[in-house]
Amino acid sequence: MYGLTETSGPMTLCDGVDGRFHISIGRLSPSVEARIVDIETGRWLPPGGTGELWLKGPTIMH
């Protein structure tokens, strides 16, 4: 389970620890959206891109 203090709860869930998936923080929780964004341009990045993680969900203040 992964959740930032600012999100007031879990944002992702991981089924377990597996060395093949050492860079994954799990699947998104229901009703949560996530994007990886280039912090210089604000553009969304494709899967595998390096940028800032943006989360959206009912437990995050807007």
PDB file of N, CA and C in Angstrom:
ATOM      1  N   MET A   1       0.839  -1.155   0.000  1.00  0.00           N
ATOM      2  CA  MET A   1       0.000   0.000   0.000  1.00  0.00           C
ATOM      3  C   MET A   1       0.895   1.232   0.000  1.00  0.00           C
ATOM      4  N   TYR A   2       0.514   2.253  -0.772  1.00  0.00           N
ATOM      5  CA  TYR A   2       1.282   3.486  -0.873  1.00  0.00           C
ATOM      6  C   TYR A   2       0.335   4.660  -0.733  1.00  0.00           C
ATOM      7  N   GLY A   3       0.657   5.589   0.115  1.00  0.00           N
ATOM      8  CA  GLY A   3      -0.156   6.795   0.261  1.00  0.00           C
ATOM      9  C   GLY A   3       0.674   7.892   0.891  1.00  0.00           C
ATOM     10  N   LEU A   4       0.633   9.058   0.308  1.00  0.00           N
ATOM     11  CA  LEU A   4       1.337  10.211   0.852  1.00  0.00           C
ATOM     12  C   LEU A   4       0.519  10.816   1.982  1.00  0.00           C
ATOM     13  N   THR A   5       1.150  11.541   2.864  1.00  0.00           N
ATOM     14  CA  THR A   5       0.425  12.219   3.935  1.00  0.00           C
ATOM     15  C   THR A   5      -0.668  13.099   3.357  1.00  0.00           C
ATOM     16  N   GLU A   6      -0.367  13.777   2.249  1.00  0.00           N
ATOM     17  CA  GLU A   6      -1.307  14.705   1.638  1.00  0.00           C
ATOM     18  C   GLU A   6      -2.544  14.026   1.052  1.00  0.00           C
ATOM     19  N   THR A   7      -2.495  12.720   0.827  1.00  0.00           N
ATOM     20  CA  THR A   7      -3.619  12.034   0.192  1.00  0.00           C
ATOM     21  C   THR A   7      -4.598  11.432   1.190  1.00  0.00           C
ATOM     22  N   SER A   8      -4.278  11.432   2.460  1.00  0.00           N
ATOM     23  CA  SER A   8      -5.136  10.884   3.521  1.00  0.00           C
ATOM     24  C   SER A   8      -5.564   9.449   3.289  1.00  0.00           C
ATOM     25  N   GLY A   9      -4.761   8.669   2.688  1.00  0.00           N
ATOM     26  CA  GLY A   9      -5.125   7.268   2.495  1.00  0.00           C
ATOM     27  C   GLY A   9      -4.335   6.640   1.370  1.00  0.00           C
ATOM     28  N   PRO A  10      -4.587   5.357   1.155  1.00  0.00           N
ATOM     29  CA  PRO A  10      -3.834   4.649   0.120  1.00  0.00           C
ATOM     30  C   PRO A  10      -4.229   5.084  -1.285  1.00  0.00           C
ATOM     31  N   MET A  11      -3.252   5.262  -2.135  1.00  0.00           N
ATOM     32  CA  MET A  11      -3.477   5.596  -3.537  1.00  0.00           C
ATOM     33  C   MET A  11      -3.246   4.391  -4.433  1.00  0.00           C
ATOM     34  N   THR A  12      -2.369   3.488  -4.006  1.00  0.00           N
ATOM     35  CA  THR A  12      -2.105   2.281  -4.781  1.00  0.00           C
ATOM     36  C   THR A  12      -2.075   1.081  -3.845  1.00  0.00           C
ATOM     37  N   LEU A  13      -2.279  -0.090  -4.429  1.00  0.00           N
ATOM     38  CA  LEU A  13      -2.230  -1.338  -3.675  1.00  0.00           C
ATOM     39  C   LEU A  13      -1.326  -2.311  -4.410  1.00  0.00           C
ATOM     40  N   CYS A  14      -0.457  -2.988  -3.681  1.00  0.00           N
ATOM     41  CA  CYS A  14       0.466  -3.953  -4.269  1.00  0.00           C
ATOM     42  C   CYS A  14       0.157  -5.329  -3.686  1.00  0.00           C
ATOM     43  N   ASP A  15       0.074  -6.337  -4.557  1.00  0.00           N
ATOM     44  CA  ASP A  15      -0.278  -7.688  -4.126  1.00  0.00           C
ATOM     45  C   ASP A  15       0.816  -8.365  -3.305  1.00  0.00           C
ATOM     46  N   GLY A  16       2.023  -7.884  -3.379  1.00  0.00           N
ATOM     47  CA  GLY A  16       3.123  -8.500  -2.652  1.00  0.00           C
ATOM     48  C   GLY A  16       4.445  -8.024  -3.211  1.00  0.00           C
ATOM     49  N   VAL A  17       5.500  -8.495  -2.636  1.00  0.00           N
ATOM     50  CA  VAL A  17       6.830  -8.092  -3.071  1.00  0.00           C
ATOM     51  C   VAL A  17       7.349  -9.129  -4.048  1.00  0.00           C
ATOM     52  N   ASP A  18       7.767  -8.662  -5.194  1.00  0.00           N
ATOM     53  CA  ASP A  18       8.303  -9.540  -6.223  1.00  0.00           C
ATOM     54  C   ASP A  18       9.459  -8.797  -6.876  1.00  0.00           C
ATOM     55  N   GLY A  19      10.624  -9.362  -6.859  1.00  0.00           N
ATOM     56  CA  GLY A  19      11.812  -8.717  -7.401  1.00  0.00           C
ATOM     57  C   GLY A  19      11.667  -8.241  -8.834  1.00  0.00           C
ATOM     58  N   ARG A  20      10.777  -8.870  -9.609  1.00  0.00           N
ATOM     59  CA  ARG A  20      10.599  -8.458 -11.001  1.00  0.00           C
ATOM     60  C   ARG A  20       9.899  -7.114 -11.103  1.00  0.00           C
ATOM     61  N   PHE A  21       9.207  -6.725 -10.064  1.00  0.00           N
ATOM     62  CA  PHE A  21       8.433  -5.494 -10.107  1.00  0.00           C
ATOM     63  C   PHE A  21       8.934  -4.485  -9.074  1.00  0.00           C
ATOM     64  N   HIS A  22      10.232  -4.408  -8.909  1.00  0.00           N
ATOM     65  CA  HIS A  22      10.801  -3.575  -7.853  1.00  0.00           C
ATOM     66  C   HIS A  22      10.563  -2.081  -8.042  1.00  0.00           C
ATOM     67  N   ILE A  23      10.154  -1.643  -9.227  1.00  0.00           N
ATOM     68  CA  ILE A  23       9.902  -0.218  -9.419  1.00  0.00           C
ATOM     69  C   ILE A  23       8.418   0.123  -9.360  1.00  0.00           C
ATOM     70  N   SER A  24       7.559  -0.859  -9.151  1.00  0.00           N
ATOM     71  CA  SER A  24       6.122  -0.624  -9.100  1.00  0.00           C
ATOM     72  C   SER A  24       5.675  -0.295  -7.682  1.00  0.00           C
ATOM     73  N   ILE A  25       4.729   0.634  -7.569  1.00  0.00           N
ATOM     74  CA  ILE A  25       4.106   0.890  -6.268  1.00  0.00           C
ATOM     75  C   ILE A  25       2.716   0.286  -6.224  1.00  0.00           C
ATOM     76  N   GLY A  26       2.399  -0.537  -7.214  1.00  0.00           N
ATOM     77  CA  GLY A  26       1.128  -1.253  -7.228  1.00  0.00           C
ATOM     78  C   GLY A  26       0.110  -0.664  -8.182  1.00  0.00           C
ATOM     79  N   ARG A  27      -1.100  -1.204  -8.099  1.00  0.00           N
ATOM     80  CA  ARG A  27      -2.212  -0.737  -8.938  1.00  0.00           C
ATOM     81  C   ARG A  27      -2.923   0.402  -8.236  1.00  0.00           C
ATOM     82  N   LEU A  28      -3.544   1.256  -9.024  1.00  0.00           N
ATOM     83  CA  LEU A  28      -4.296   2.366  -8.449  1.00  0.00           C
ATOM     84  C   LEU A  28      -5.495   1.861  -7.671  1.00  0.00           C
ATOM     85  N   SER A  29      -5.781   2.507  -6.574  1.00  0.00           N
ATOM     86  CA  SER A  29      -6.999   2.218  -5.821  1.00  0.00           C
ATOM     87  C   SER A  29      -8.196   2.663  -6.652  1.00  0.00           C
ATOM     88  N   PRO A  30      -9.363   2.075  -6.415  1.00  0.00           N
ATOM     89  CA  PRO A  30     -10.560   2.518  -7.135  1.00  0.00           C
ATOM     90  C   PRO A  30     -10.792   4.014  -6.908  1.00  0.00           C
ATOM     91  N   SER A  31     -11.255   4.700  -7.911  1.00  0.00           N
ATOM     92  CA  SER A  31     -11.570   6.135  -7.908  1.00  0.00           C
ATOM     93  C   SER A  31     -10.345   7.047  -7.842  1.00  0.00           C
ATOM     94  N   VAL A  32      -9.146   6.504  -8.058  1.00  0.00           N
ATOM     95  CA  VAL A  32      -7.930   7.316  -8.070  1.00  0.00           C
ATOM     96  C   VAL A  32      -7.398   7.383  -9.492  1.00  0.00           C
ATOM     97  N   GLU A  33      -6.971   8.572  -9.900  1.00  0.00           N
ATOM     98  CA  GLU A  33      -6.333   8.767 -11.200  1.00  0.00           C
ATOM     99  C   GLU A  33      -4.893   9.188 -10.957  1.00  0.00           C
ATOM    100  N   ALA A  34      -3.982   8.759 -11.827  1.00  0.00           N
ATOM    101  CA  ALA A  34      -2.574   9.126 -11.706  1.00  0.00           C
ATOM    102  C   ALA A  34      -2.014   9.463 -13.077  1.00  0.00           C
ATOM    103  N   ARG A  35      -1.097  10.419 -13.078  1.00  0.00           N
ATOM    104  CA  ARG A  35      -0.403  10.796 -14.306  1.00  0.00           C
ATOM    105  C   ARG A  35       1.050  11.085 -13.955  1.00  0.00           C
ATOM    106  N   ILE A  36       1.932  10.825 -14.901  1.00  0.00           N
ATOM    107  CA  ILE A  36       3.321  11.253 -14.780  1.00  0.00           C
ATOM    108  C   ILE A  36       3.448  12.470 -15.682  1.00  0.00           C
ATOM    109  N   VAL A  37       3.952  13.567 -15.120  1.00  0.00           N
ATOM    110  CA  VAL A  37       3.971  14.840 -15.827  1.00  0.00           C
ATOM    111  C   VAL A  37       5.387  15.399 -15.864  1.00  0.00           C
ATOM    112  N   ASP A  38       5.770  15.959 -17.013  1.00  0.00           N
ATOM    113  CA  ASP A  38       7.038  16.676 -17.146  1.00  0.00           C
ATOM    114  C   ASP A  38       6.885  17.982 -16.378  1.00  0.00           C
ATOM    115  N   ILE A  39       7.666  18.189 -15.320  1.00  0.00           N
ATOM    116  CA  ILE A  39       7.465  19.363 -14.472  1.00  0.00           C
ATOM    117  C   ILE A  39       7.861  20.670 -15.158  1.00  0.00           C
ATOM    118  N   GLU A  40       8.658  20.600 -16.217  1.00  0.00           N
ATOM    119  CA  GLU A  40       9.044  21.822 -16.926  1.00  0.00           C
ATOM    120  C   GLU A  40       7.989  22.257 -17.932  1.00  0.00           C
ATOM    121  N   THR A  41       7.328  21.298 -18.579  1.00  0.00           N
ATOM    122  CA  THR A  41       6.356  21.642 -19.627  1.00  0.00           C
ATOM    123  C   THR A  41       4.910  21.441 -19.191  1.00  0.00           C
ATOM    124  N   GLY A  42       4.683  20.633 -18.143  1.00  0.00           N
ATOM    125  CA  GLY A  42       3.326  20.329 -17.708  1.00  0.00           C
ATOM    126  C   GLY A  42       2.632  19.292 -18.573  1.00  0.00           C
ATOM    127  N   ARG A  43       3.355  18.712 -19.517  1.00  0.00           N
ATOM    128  CA  ARG A  43       2.760  17.705 -20.412  1.00  0.00           C
ATOM    129  C   ARG A  43       2.804  16.323 -19.782  1.00  0.00           C
ATOM    130  N   TRP A  44       1.759  15.542 -20.085  1.00  0.00           N
ATOM    131  CA  TRP A  44       1.708  14.153 -19.620  1.00  0.00           C
ATOM    132  C   TRP A  44       2.784  13.358 -20.334  1.00  0.00           C
ATOM    133  N   LEU A  45       3.375  12.409 -19.624  1.00  0.00           N
ATOM    134  CA  LEU A  45       4.401  11.548 -20.198  1.00  0.00           C
ATOM    135  C   LEU A  45       3.843  10.148 -20.424  1.00  0.00           C
ATOM    136  N   PRO A  46       4.408   9.436 -21.396  1.00  0.00           N
ATOM    137  CA  PRO A  46       3.945   8.067 -21.657  1.00  0.00           C
ATOM    138  C   PRO A  46       4.431   7.115 -20.564  1.00  0.00           C
ATOM    139  N   PRO A  47       3.875   5.901 -20.531  1.00  0.00           N
ATOM    140  CA  PRO A  47       4.354   4.904 -19.569  1.00  0.00           C
ATOM    141  C   PRO A  47       5.870   4.749 -19.665  1.00  0.00           C
ATOM    142  N   GLY A  48       6.530   4.687 -18.535  1.00  0.00           N
ATOM    143  CA  GLY A  48       7.985   4.566 -18.495  1.00  0.00           C
ATOM    144  C   GLY A  48       8.699   5.904 -18.447  1.00  0.00           C
ATOM    145  N   GLY A  49       7.949   7.011 -18.598  1.00  0.00           N
ATOM    146  CA  GLY A  49       8.549   8.339 -18.562  1.00  0.00           C
ATOM    147  C   GLY A  49       8.994   8.708 -17.159  1.00  0.00           C
ATOM    148  N   THR A  50       9.932   9.649 -17.078  1.00  0.00           N
ATOM    149  CA  THR A  50      10.420  10.126 -15.792  1.00  0.00           C
ATOM    150  C   THR A  50       9.891  11.527 -15.556  1.00  0.00           C
ATOM    151  N   GLY A  51       9.162  11.705 -14.479  1.00  0.00           N
ATOM    152  CA  GLY A  51       8.590  13.008 -14.172  1.00  0.00           C
ATOM    153  C   GLY A  51       7.986  13.006 -12.786  1.00  0.00           C
ATOM    154  N   GLU A  52       7.051  13.917 -12.577  1.00  0.00           N
ATOM    155  CA  GLU A  52       6.386  14.054 -11.285  1.00  0.00           C
ATOM    156  C   GLU A  52       5.073  13.285 -11.294  1.00  0.00           C
ATOM    157  N   LEU A  53       4.775  12.608 -10.187  1.00  0.00           N
ATOM    158  CA  LEU A  53       3.540  11.842 -10.056  1.00  0.00           C
ATOM    159  C   LEU A  53       2.425  12.773  -9.605  1.00  0.00           C
ATOM    160  N   TRP A  54       1.356  12.879 -10.406  1.00  0.00           N
ATOM    161  CA  TRP A  54       0.174  13.666 -10.056  1.00  0.00           C
ATOM    162  C   TRP A  54      -0.948  12.693  -9.742  1.00  0.00           C
ATOM    163  N   LEU A  55      -1.587  12.863  -8.605  1.00  0.00           N
ATOM    164  CA  LEU A  55      -2.678  11.997  -8.171  1.00  0.00           C
ATOM    165  C   LEU A  55      -3.956  12.799  -8.029  1.00  0.00           C
ATOM    166  N   LYS A  56      -5.085  12.160  -8.346  1.00  0.00           N
ATOM    167  CA  LYS A  56      -6.394  12.788  -8.201  1.00  0.00           C
ATOM    168  C   LYS A  56      -7.342  11.746  -7.628  1.00  0.00           C
ATOM    169  N   GLY A  57      -8.076  12.137  -6.594  1.00  0.00           N
ATOM    170  CA  GLY A  57      -9.029  11.218  -5.992  1.00  0.00           C
ATOM    171  C   GLY A  57      -9.867  11.912  -4.941  1.00  0.00           C
ATOM    172  N   PRO A  58     -10.860  11.202  -4.409  1.00  0.00           N
ATOM    173  CA  PRO A  58     -11.788  11.809  -3.460  1.00  0.00           C
ATOM    174  C   PRO A  58     -11.163  12.185  -2.117  1.00  0.00           C
ATOM    175  N   THR A  59      -9.995  11.640  -1.784  1.00  0.00           N
ATOM    176  CA  THR A  59      -9.377  11.961  -0.497  1.00  0.00           C
ATOM    177  C   THR A  59      -8.336  13.068  -0.596  1.00  0.00           C
ATOM    178  N   ILE A  60      -8.185  13.653  -1.790  1.00  0.00           N
ATOM    179  CA  ILE A  60      -7.196  14.712  -1.991  1.00  0.00           C
ATOM    180  C   ILE A  60      -7.915  16.050  -2.078  1.00  0.00           C
ATOM    181  N   MET A  61      -7.431  17.043  -1.328  1.00  0.00           N
ATOM    182  CA  MET A  61      -8.038  18.368  -1.358  1.00  0.00           C
ATOM    183  C   MET A  61      -7.778  19.017  -2.713  1.00  0.00           C
ATOM    184  N   HIS A  62      -8.793  19.642  -3.255  1.00  0.00           N
ATOM    185  CA  HIS A  62      -8.672  20.290  -4.566  1.00  0.00           C
ATOM    186  C   HIS A  62      -8.369  21.759  -4.398  1.00  0.00           C
TER     187      HIS A  62
END
